[in-house]
Amino acid sequence: MPNPLVEMAAEIVISHAAGTALTKKELLDTINEVYATLAALESGETVTVPKKAVAPKVKGKRGRPKKEVAETPAPVVAEPVKPAAPEGPALSFDEAFQPDEVGCMICGKKGFKTLKKHLMVEHGLKPGQYKRKFKIPKDVDLVAPKYAAMRREQAIARGLPEKLAAARALRGKK
């Protein structure tokens, strides 16, 4: 079983390295520092994270920057990580599936017409995984029923069923 601290440290360092140019040594140091910090936080220790010195840019007489003088700031103390809340639905099935909107049972957000994009972007879940997690029947769509009916009416008004039947017939001849 993979170590979740290693995975979390890797994700953090990947995100940081994506926007920052790092040498091999800096990358290894960053990985070690992030992992050590996560391990300390997991064990409940307080961690002192030194803040990098940032010097203000002050212009001299001729508009040129003066020599930068860095001050050493006070260390920042990170709070220990609190245990996660118990895993359970934030919304009941009846609250989540209304005729004119659907809500997310993970985070409790409401007002969606469809949940597919929200689940992928916010929670990294596919619709099938979401349905299995909350034991949602397979015949229940993750789309608001009124929204689905409106889209169906629009498709019929455009003549899409006839076009689909014609395309299937053409494909059957080949």
N, C-alpha and C. Protein backbone atom coordinates (compact mmCIF):
# COMPACT_ATOMS: atom_id res chain seq x y z
N MET A 1 0.85 -1.18 0.00
CA MET A 1 0.00 0.00 0.00
C MET A 1 0.89 1.24 0.00
N PRO A 2 0.68 2.16 -0.94
CA PRO A 2 1.53 3.34 -1.01
C PRO A 2 1.35 4.24 0.22
N ASN A 3 2.41 4.94 0.55
CA ASN A 3 2.39 5.84 1.69
C ASN A 3 1.68 7.13 1.28
N PRO A 4 0.58 7.50 1.97
CA PRO A 4 -0.14 8.71 1.59
C PRO A 4 0.69 9.98 1.78
N LEU A 5 1.62 9.98 2.73
CA LEU A 5 2.48 11.16 2.92
C LEU A 5 3.39 11.38 1.73
N VAL A 6 3.90 10.28 1.18
CA VAL A 6 4.77 10.40 0.00
C VAL A 6 3.96 10.95 -1.18
N GLU A 7 2.73 10.44 -1.35
CA GLU A 7 1.88 10.91 -2.44
C GLU A 7 1.54 12.39 -2.27
N MET A 8 1.19 12.80 -1.04
CA MET A 8 0.86 14.20 -0.79
C MET A 8 2.08 15.09 -1.03
N ALA A 9 3.24 14.66 -0.55
CA ALA A 9 4.47 15.44 -0.74
C ALA A 9 4.77 15.57 -2.23
N ALA A 10 4.59 14.49 -2.97
CA ALA A 10 4.85 14.52 -4.41
C ALA A 10 3.91 15.50 -5.11
N GLU A 11 2.62 15.48 -4.75
CA GLU A 11 1.67 16.40 -5.37
C GLU A 11 2.03 17.85 -5.07
N ILE A 12 2.41 18.13 -3.84
CA ILE A 12 2.77 19.50 -3.45
C ILE A 12 4.00 19.96 -4.22
N VAL A 13 5.01 19.11 -4.28
CA VAL A 13 6.25 19.49 -4.96
C VAL A 13 6.03 19.62 -6.47
N ILE A 14 5.22 18.75 -7.05
CA ILE A 14 4.91 18.85 -8.48
C ILE A 14 4.22 20.18 -8.77
N SER A 15 3.27 20.56 -7.93
CA SER A 15 2.58 21.84 -8.13
C SER A 15 3.55 23.00 -8.01
N HIS A 16 4.44 22.93 -7.04
CA HIS A 16 5.41 24.00 -6.86
C HIS A 16 6.40 24.05 -8.02
N ALA A 17 6.88 22.91 -8.44
CA ALA A 17 7.89 22.85 -9.50
C ALA A 17 7.31 23.24 -10.86
N ALA A 18 6.00 23.10 -11.03
CA ALA A 18 5.39 23.47 -12.30
C ALA A 18 5.52 24.96 -12.59
N GLY A 19 5.56 25.77 -11.55
CA GLY A 19 5.64 27.20 -11.75
C GLY A 19 6.97 27.81 -11.35
N THR A 20 7.91 26.99 -10.92
CA THR A 20 9.19 27.49 -10.45
C THR A 20 10.32 26.66 -11.04
N ALA A 21 11.36 27.33 -11.51
CA ALA A 21 12.53 26.61 -12.02
C ALA A 21 13.38 26.17 -10.83
N LEU A 22 13.64 24.88 -10.75
CA LEU A 22 14.43 24.33 -9.64
C LEU A 22 15.57 23.50 -10.19
N THR A 23 16.72 23.56 -9.49
CA THR A 23 17.82 22.67 -9.82
C THR A 23 17.53 21.31 -9.20
N LYS A 24 18.34 20.31 -9.55
CA LYS A 24 18.13 18.98 -8.97
C LYS A 24 18.25 19.02 -7.46
N LYS A 25 19.25 19.74 -6.97
CA LYS A 25 19.46 19.83 -5.52
C LYS A 25 18.29 20.53 -4.84
N GLU A 26 17.81 21.63 -5.43
CA GLU A 26 16.67 22.34 -4.85
C GLU A 26 15.42 21.47 -4.85
N LEU A 27 15.24 20.70 -5.92
CA LEU A 27 14.09 19.81 -6.00
C LEU A 27 14.14 18.75 -4.91
N LEU A 28 15.30 18.12 -4.74
CA LEU A 28 15.44 17.10 -3.69
C LEU A 28 15.26 17.70 -2.31
N ASP A 29 15.83 18.89 -2.09
CA ASP A 29 15.67 19.56 -0.79
C ASP A 29 14.20 19.88 -0.53
N THR A 30 13.50 20.32 -1.56
CA THR A 30 12.08 20.65 -1.41
C THR A 30 11.27 19.41 -1.08
N ILE A 31 11.56 18.32 -1.77
CA ILE A 31 10.85 17.06 -1.49
C ILE A 31 11.07 16.64 -0.04
N ASN A 32 12.32 16.64 0.40
CA ASN A 32 12.63 16.24 1.78
C ASN A 32 11.97 17.17 2.79
N GLU A 33 11.99 18.46 2.53
CA GLU A 33 11.41 19.43 3.46
C GLU A 33 9.89 19.27 3.57
N VAL A 34 9.24 19.09 2.42
CA VAL A 34 7.78 18.93 2.42
C VAL A 34 7.40 17.62 3.12
N TYR A 35 8.11 16.55 2.83
CA TYR A 35 7.79 15.26 3.47
C TYR A 35 7.98 15.35 4.98
N ALA A 36 9.10 15.95 5.42
CA ALA A 36 9.36 16.07 6.86
C ALA A 36 8.28 16.91 7.54
N THR A 37 7.84 17.97 6.89
CA THR A 37 6.79 18.82 7.45
C THR A 37 5.48 18.05 7.56
N LEU A 38 5.12 17.31 6.51
CA LEU A 38 3.88 16.53 6.55
C LEU A 38 3.93 15.45 7.63
N ALA A 39 5.08 14.79 7.76
CA ALA A 39 5.23 13.75 8.78
C ALA A 39 5.09 14.35 10.17
N ALA A 40 5.68 15.52 10.39
CA ALA A 40 5.59 16.17 11.69
C ALA A 40 4.15 16.59 11.99
N LEU A 41 3.47 17.12 11.00
CA LEU A 41 2.08 17.53 11.19
C LEU A 41 1.18 16.33 11.47
N GLU A 42 1.45 15.21 10.80
CA GLU A 42 0.64 14.01 11.02
C GLU A 42 0.81 13.48 12.44
N SER A 43 2.01 13.61 12.98
CA SER A 43 2.25 13.11 14.34
C SER A 43 1.78 14.10 15.41
N GLY A 44 1.28 15.28 14.98
CA GLY A 44 0.72 16.22 15.93
C GLY A 44 1.71 17.26 16.44
N GLU A 45 2.91 17.25 15.91
CA GLU A 45 3.91 18.22 16.33
C GLU A 45 3.64 19.57 15.68
N THR A 46 4.08 20.63 16.35
CA THR A 46 4.02 21.93 15.70
C THR A 46 5.29 22.10 14.89
N VAL A 47 5.15 22.70 13.74
CA VAL A 47 6.27 22.82 12.82
C VAL A 47 6.59 24.29 12.63
N THR A 48 7.86 24.62 12.73
CA THR A 48 8.29 25.99 12.47
C THR A 48 8.78 26.06 11.03
N VAL A 49 8.10 26.90 10.24
CA VAL A 49 8.45 27.05 8.84
C VAL A 49 9.07 28.43 8.66
N PRO A 50 10.37 28.50 8.34
CA PRO A 50 10.97 29.82 8.15
C PRO A 50 10.47 30.45 6.86
N LYS A 51 10.15 31.73 6.95
CA LYS A 51 9.67 32.45 5.79
C LYS A 51 10.87 33.03 5.06
N LYS A 52 10.86 32.97 3.73
CA LYS A 52 11.98 33.49 2.96
C LYS A 52 12.03 35.00 3.08
N ALA A 53 13.23 35.51 3.12
CA ALA A 53 13.41 36.95 3.25
C ALA A 53 13.11 37.63 1.91
N VAL A 54 12.28 38.65 1.96
CA VAL A 54 11.93 39.40 0.77
C VAL A 54 12.26 40.86 1.05
N ALA A 55 13.14 41.41 0.24
CA ALA A 55 13.55 42.80 0.45
C ALA A 55 12.67 43.72 -0.38
N PRO A 56 12.28 44.84 0.19
CA PRO A 56 11.50 45.78 -0.60
C PRO A 56 12.37 46.45 -1.66
N LYS A 57 11.77 46.74 -2.79
CA LYS A 57 12.53 47.40 -3.86
C LYS A 57 12.41 48.91 -3.65
N VAL A 58 13.54 49.54 -3.37
CA VAL A 58 13.57 50.97 -3.13
C VAL A 58 14.43 51.60 -4.21
N LYS A 59 13.91 52.66 -4.82
CA LYS A 59 14.66 53.33 -5.88
C LYS A 59 15.52 54.44 -5.30
N GLY A 60 16.69 54.59 -5.88
CA GLY A 60 17.61 55.64 -5.45
C GLY A 60 17.31 56.94 -6.16
N LYS A 61 18.29 57.84 -6.12
CA LYS A 61 18.12 59.18 -6.69
C LYS A 61 17.83 59.14 -8.19
N ARG A 62 18.49 58.30 -8.91
CA ARG A 62 18.38 58.29 -10.37
C ARG A 62 17.41 57.22 -10.88
N GLY A 63 16.55 56.72 -10.03
CA GLY A 63 15.56 55.74 -10.44
C GLY A 63 16.08 54.32 -10.49
N ARG A 64 17.34 54.12 -10.10
CA ARG A 64 17.90 52.78 -10.07
C ARG A 64 17.60 52.14 -8.72
N PRO A 65 17.42 50.81 -8.73
CA PRO A 65 17.16 50.16 -7.45
C PRO A 65 18.37 50.25 -6.53
N LYS A 66 18.10 50.52 -5.25
CA LYS A 66 19.18 50.51 -4.27
C LYS A 66 19.51 49.07 -3.95
N LYS A 67 20.62 48.89 -3.26
CA LYS A 67 21.00 47.54 -2.85
C LYS A 67 19.92 47.01 -1.91
N GLU A 68 19.56 45.74 -2.15
CA GLU A 68 18.50 45.15 -1.35
C GLU A 68 19.05 44.62 -0.04
N VAL A 69 18.35 44.92 1.03
CA VAL A 69 18.74 44.44 2.35
C VAL A 69 17.59 43.58 2.85
N ALA A 70 17.87 42.33 3.11
CA ALA A 70 16.83 41.40 3.55
C ALA A 70 16.78 41.36 5.07
N GLU A 71 15.54 41.40 5.57
CA GLU A 71 15.33 41.27 7.00
C GLU A 71 14.95 39.82 7.28
N THR A 72 15.32 39.32 8.43
CA THR A 72 14.94 37.95 8.78
C THR A 72 13.64 38.00 9.55
N PRO A 73 12.57 37.49 8.96
CA PRO A 73 11.26 37.53 9.62
C PRO A 73 11.16 36.47 10.71
N ALA A 74 10.16 36.64 11.55
CA ALA A 74 9.91 35.67 12.61
C ALA A 74 9.37 34.39 11.98
N PRO A 75 9.71 33.22 12.54
CA PRO A 75 9.23 31.96 11.97
C PRO A 75 7.70 31.83 12.12
N VAL A 76 7.12 31.15 11.16
CA VAL A 76 5.68 30.91 11.17
C VAL A 76 5.45 29.52 11.74
N VAL A 77 4.53 29.40 12.67
CA VAL A 77 4.24 28.11 13.28
C VAL A 77 2.96 27.56 12.67
N ALA A 78 3.06 26.38 12.07
CA ALA A 78 1.89 25.75 11.44
C ALA A 78 1.09 25.01 12.49
N GLU A 79 -0.23 25.05 12.35
CA GLU A 79 -1.12 24.34 13.26
C GLU A 79 -1.14 22.86 12.91
N PRO A 80 -1.28 21.98 13.91
CA PRO A 80 -1.37 20.55 13.61
C PRO A 80 -2.64 20.25 12.81
N VAL A 81 -2.56 19.22 11.99
CA VAL A 81 -3.69 18.82 11.16
C VAL A 81 -4.74 18.17 12.03
N LYS A 82 -6.00 18.63 11.86
CA LYS A 82 -7.11 18.05 12.61
C LYS A 82 -7.61 16.82 11.86
N PRO A 83 -8.10 15.81 12.57
CA PRO A 83 -8.61 14.64 11.87
C PRO A 83 -9.80 15.01 11.00
N ALA A 84 -9.93 14.31 9.88
CA ALA A 84 -11.00 14.58 8.93
C ALA A 84 -12.35 14.24 9.55
N ALA A 85 -13.38 14.93 9.08
CA ALA A 85 -14.73 14.66 9.55
C ALA A 85 -15.15 13.27 9.07
N PRO A 86 -16.06 12.63 9.79
CA PRO A 86 -16.48 11.29 9.38
C PRO A 86 -17.07 11.32 7.98
N GLU A 87 -16.74 10.28 7.20
CA GLU A 87 -17.18 10.17 5.81
C GLU A 87 -18.66 9.85 5.78
N GLY A 88 -19.43 10.73 5.22
CA GLY A 88 -20.87 10.52 5.10
C GLY A 88 -21.42 11.57 4.16
N PRO A 89 -22.64 11.38 3.69
CA PRO A 89 -23.19 12.35 2.76
C PRO A 89 -23.49 13.69 3.42
N ALA A 90 -23.16 14.77 2.71
CA ALA A 90 -23.45 16.11 3.21
C ALA A 90 -24.92 16.45 2.98
N LEU A 91 -25.53 15.80 2.00
CA LEU A 91 -26.95 15.97 1.69
C LEU A 91 -27.61 14.60 1.66
N SER A 92 -28.87 14.54 2.04
CA SER A 92 -29.60 13.28 1.90
C SER A 92 -29.96 13.09 0.43
N PHE A 93 -30.40 11.90 0.08
CA PHE A 93 -30.77 11.60 -1.30
C PHE A 93 -31.88 12.54 -1.76
N ASP A 94 -32.90 12.74 -0.92
CA ASP A 94 -34.02 13.60 -1.29
C ASP A 94 -33.61 15.06 -1.44
N GLU A 95 -32.66 15.52 -0.63
CA GLU A 95 -32.18 16.90 -0.75
C GLU A 95 -31.34 17.07 -2.02
N ALA A 96 -30.57 16.05 -2.36
CA ALA A 96 -29.66 16.14 -3.49
C ALA A 96 -30.37 16.07 -4.83
N PHE A 97 -31.45 15.31 -4.93
CA PHE A 97 -32.11 15.10 -6.21
C PHE A 97 -33.50 15.73 -6.20
N GLN A 98 -33.55 16.98 -6.61
CA GLN A 98 -34.80 17.74 -6.73
C GLN A 98 -35.21 17.79 -8.20
N PRO A 99 -36.47 18.10 -8.49
CA PRO A 99 -36.90 18.13 -9.89
C PRO A 99 -36.17 19.16 -10.75
N ASP A 100 -35.84 20.32 -10.17
CA ASP A 100 -35.23 21.37 -10.98
C ASP A 100 -33.75 21.57 -10.72
N GLU A 101 -33.15 20.81 -9.81
CA GLU A 101 -31.72 20.92 -9.54
C GLU A 101 -31.21 19.65 -8.87
N VAL A 102 -29.89 19.45 -8.96
CA VAL A 102 -29.25 18.36 -8.24
C VAL A 102 -28.16 18.97 -7.36
N GLY A 103 -27.86 18.27 -6.27
CA GLY A 103 -26.83 18.74 -5.35
C GLY A 103 -25.78 17.67 -5.15
N CYS A 104 -24.62 18.08 -4.69
CA CYS A 104 -23.52 17.15 -4.46
C CYS A 104 -23.61 16.60 -3.05
N MET A 105 -23.65 15.30 -2.92
CA MET A 105 -23.73 14.66 -1.62
C MET A 105 -22.39 14.64 -0.89
N ILE A 106 -21.31 15.01 -1.59
CA ILE A 106 -19.99 15.03 -0.97
C ILE A 106 -19.77 16.35 -0.24
N CYS A 107 -19.94 17.47 -0.98
CA CYS A 107 -19.64 18.78 -0.39
C CYS A 107 -20.88 19.57 0.00
N GLY A 108 -22.05 19.14 -0.44
CA GLY A 108 -23.28 19.80 -0.06
C GLY A 108 -23.69 20.96 -0.96
N LYS A 109 -22.95 21.23 -2.03
CA LYS A 109 -23.33 22.32 -2.92
C LYS A 109 -24.57 21.93 -3.71
N LYS A 110 -25.48 22.91 -3.87
CA LYS A 110 -26.72 22.68 -4.59
C LYS A 110 -26.79 23.59 -5.80
N GLY A 111 -27.84 23.40 -6.61
CA GLY A 111 -28.10 24.30 -7.72
C GLY A 111 -27.54 23.86 -9.05
N PHE A 112 -27.04 22.65 -9.15
CA PHE A 112 -26.49 22.17 -10.42
C PHE A 112 -27.59 21.63 -11.31
N LYS A 113 -27.40 21.77 -12.62
CA LYS A 113 -28.29 21.13 -13.58
C LYS A 113 -27.78 19.72 -13.86
N THR A 114 -26.46 19.56 -13.83
CA THR A 114 -25.82 18.26 -14.01
C THR A 114 -24.60 18.19 -13.10
N LEU A 115 -24.28 17.02 -12.60
CA LEU A 115 -23.19 16.87 -11.62
C LEU A 115 -21.87 16.39 -12.21
N LYS A 116 -21.88 15.91 -13.44
CA LYS A 116 -20.70 15.23 -13.98
C LYS A 116 -19.44 16.09 -13.91
N LYS A 117 -19.49 17.32 -14.41
CA LYS A 117 -18.30 18.17 -14.41
C LYS A 117 -17.87 18.52 -12.98
N HIS A 118 -18.82 18.83 -12.12
CA HIS A 118 -18.49 19.15 -10.73
C HIS A 118 -17.77 17.99 -10.05
N LEU A 119 -18.26 16.79 -10.27
CA LEU A 119 -17.64 15.62 -9.65
C LEU A 119 -16.21 15.42 -10.13
N MET A 120 -15.98 15.59 -11.43
CA MET A 120 -14.63 15.41 -11.98
C MET A 120 -13.68 16.50 -11.51
N VAL A 121 -14.12 17.76 -11.56
CA VAL A 121 -13.24 18.88 -11.25
C VAL A 121 -12.98 18.99 -9.75
N GLU A 122 -14.02 18.95 -8.96
CA GLU A 122 -13.89 19.20 -7.52
C GLU A 122 -13.49 17.96 -6.72
N HIS A 123 -13.95 16.79 -7.13
CA HIS A 123 -13.75 15.60 -6.31
C HIS A 123 -12.99 14.48 -7.01
N GLY A 124 -12.71 14.63 -8.30
CA GLY A 124 -11.96 13.62 -9.02
C GLY A 124 -12.70 12.29 -9.15
N LEU A 125 -14.01 12.34 -9.20
CA LEU A 125 -14.81 11.12 -9.30
C LEU A 125 -15.55 11.06 -10.63
N LYS A 126 -15.71 9.85 -11.12
CA LYS A 126 -16.56 9.62 -12.28
C LYS A 126 -17.97 9.36 -11.76
N PRO A 127 -18.98 9.57 -12.60
CA PRO A 127 -20.36 9.37 -12.13
C PRO A 127 -20.62 7.98 -11.54
N GLY A 128 -20.05 6.94 -12.14
CA GLY A 128 -20.24 5.59 -11.61
C GLY A 128 -19.65 5.42 -10.21
N GLN A 129 -18.48 6.01 -9.99
CA GLN A 129 -17.85 5.95 -8.67
C GLN A 129 -18.71 6.66 -7.63
N TYR A 130 -19.24 7.81 -8.01
CA TYR A 130 -20.11 8.59 -7.13
C TYR A 130 -21.35 7.80 -6.76
N LYS A 131 -21.97 7.16 -7.77
CA LYS A 131 -23.17 6.38 -7.52
C LYS A 131 -22.89 5.19 -6.60
N ARG A 132 -21.74 4.52 -6.80
CA ARG A 132 -21.38 3.40 -5.93
C ARG A 132 -21.12 3.87 -4.50
N LYS A 133 -20.44 5.01 -4.37
CA LYS A 133 -20.07 5.52 -3.04
C LYS A 133 -21.31 5.79 -2.19
N PHE A 134 -22.36 6.34 -2.80
CA PHE A 134 -23.56 6.70 -2.05
C PHE A 134 -24.74 5.77 -2.32
N LYS A 135 -24.45 4.63 -2.99
CA LYS A 135 -25.47 3.61 -3.27
C LYS A 135 -26.69 4.22 -3.97
N ILE A 136 -26.42 5.02 -5.01
CA ILE A 136 -27.48 5.63 -5.81
C ILE A 136 -27.87 4.63 -6.89
N PRO A 137 -29.16 4.35 -7.06
CA PRO A 137 -29.59 3.37 -8.07
C PRO A 137 -29.11 3.77 -9.47
N LYS A 138 -28.86 2.74 -10.29
CA LYS A 138 -28.34 2.98 -11.64
C LYS A 138 -29.32 3.74 -12.52
N ASP A 139 -30.62 3.61 -12.26
CA ASP A 139 -31.60 4.29 -13.10
C ASP A 139 -31.78 5.77 -12.74
N VAL A 140 -31.13 6.25 -11.69
CA VAL A 140 -31.20 7.66 -11.31
C VAL A 140 -30.09 8.41 -12.04
N ASP A 141 -30.49 9.43 -12.82
CA ASP A 141 -29.52 10.24 -13.55
C ASP A 141 -28.96 11.32 -12.64
N LEU A 142 -27.74 11.77 -12.93
CA LEU A 142 -27.12 12.85 -12.18
C LEU A 142 -27.41 14.19 -12.85
N VAL A 143 -28.61 14.27 -13.44
CA VAL A 143 -29.07 15.47 -14.13
C VAL A 143 -30.45 15.81 -13.58
N ALA A 144 -30.73 17.10 -13.42
CA ALA A 144 -32.05 17.53 -12.95
C ALA A 144 -33.11 17.09 -13.96
N PRO A 145 -34.18 16.44 -13.51
CA PRO A 145 -35.19 15.92 -14.43
C PRO A 145 -35.82 16.99 -15.34
N LYS A 146 -36.09 18.17 -14.80
CA LYS A 146 -36.68 19.24 -15.63
C LYS A 146 -35.69 19.70 -16.70
N TYR A 147 -34.41 19.74 -16.37
CA TYR A 147 -33.39 20.13 -17.33
C TYR A 147 -33.28 19.08 -18.44
N ALA A 148 -33.32 17.81 -18.07
CA ALA A 148 -33.24 16.73 -19.05
C ALA A 148 -34.45 16.77 -19.99
N ALA A 149 -35.64 17.03 -19.43
CA ALA A 149 -36.84 17.10 -20.25
C ALA A 149 -36.76 18.27 -21.23
N MET A 150 -36.25 19.41 -20.78
CA MET A 150 -36.11 20.57 -21.65
C MET A 150 -35.14 20.27 -22.79
N ARG A 151 -34.02 19.62 -22.48
CA ARG A 151 -33.04 19.28 -23.52
C ARG A 151 -33.62 18.27 -24.51
N ARG A 152 -34.40 17.34 -24.01
CA ARG A 152 -35.04 16.35 -24.88
C ARG A 152 -36.00 17.04 -25.85
N GLU A 153 -36.81 17.98 -25.34
CA GLU A 153 -37.75 18.73 -26.19
C GLU A 153 -36.99 19.53 -27.25
N GLN A 154 -35.88 20.16 -26.88
CA GLN A 154 -35.09 20.93 -27.83
C GLN A 154 -34.54 20.03 -28.93
N ALA A 155 -34.08 18.84 -28.56
CA ALA A 155 -33.54 17.90 -29.55
C ALA A 155 -34.62 17.45 -30.53
N ILE A 156 -35.81 17.18 -30.01
CA ILE A 156 -36.92 16.75 -30.87
C ILE A 156 -37.32 17.89 -31.81
N ALA A 157 -37.34 19.12 -31.29
CA ALA A 157 -37.70 20.27 -32.11
C ALA A 157 -36.70 20.48 -33.25
N ARG A 158 -35.46 20.14 -33.05
CA ARG A 158 -34.43 20.28 -34.08
C ARG A 158 -34.44 19.11 -35.07
N GLY A 159 -35.21 18.07 -34.79
CA GLY A 159 -35.28 16.93 -35.69
C GLY A 159 -34.15 15.93 -35.50
N LEU A 160 -33.53 15.92 -34.34
CA LEU A 160 -32.40 15.02 -34.12
C LEU A 160 -32.78 13.54 -34.13
N PRO A 161 -33.95 13.14 -33.63
CA PRO A 161 -34.27 11.70 -33.71
C PRO A 161 -34.32 11.17 -35.14
N GLU A 162 -34.88 11.96 -36.06
CA GLU A 162 -34.96 11.52 -37.46
C GLU A 162 -33.56 11.45 -38.07
N LYS A 163 -32.73 12.44 -37.75
CA LYS A 163 -31.35 12.45 -38.27
C LYS A 163 -30.57 11.25 -37.73
N LEU A 164 -30.80 10.91 -36.48
CA LEU A 164 -30.12 9.76 -35.88
C LEU A 164 -30.57 8.46 -36.54
N ALA A 165 -31.87 8.34 -36.79
CA ALA A 165 -32.40 7.14 -37.45
C ALA A 165 -31.83 7.02 -38.86
N ALA A 166 -31.73 8.13 -39.58
CA ALA A 166 -31.19 8.11 -40.94
C ALA A 166 -29.71 7.70 -40.91
N ALA A 167 -28.95 8.21 -39.95
CA ALA A 167 -27.53 7.87 -39.85
C ALA A 167 -27.34 6.40 -39.52
N ARG A 168 -28.19 5.88 -38.65
CA ARG A 168 -28.11 4.44 -38.31
C ARG A 168 -28.45 3.57 -39.52
N ALA A 169 -29.45 3.99 -40.29
CA ALA A 169 -29.83 3.22 -41.47
C ALA A 169 -28.71 3.23 -42.50
N LEU A 170 -28.06 4.37 -42.67
CA LEU A 170 -26.95 4.51 -43.60
C LEU A 170 -25.77 3.63 -43.15
N ARG A 171 -25.50 3.61 -41.84
CA ARG A 171 -24.41 2.80 -41.32
C ARG A 171 -24.73 1.31 -41.46
N GLY A 172 -26.02 0.94 -41.33
CA GLY A 172 -26.43 -0.45 -41.48
C GLY A 172 -26.25 -0.95 -42.90
N LYS A 173 -26.38 -0.08 -43.90
CA LYS A 173 -26.22 -0.46 -45.31
C LYS A 173 -24.76 -0.74 -45.63
N LYS A 174 -23.84 -0.06 -44.93
CA LYS A 174 -22.40 -0.24 -45.21
C LYS A 174 -21.95 -1.49 -44.60
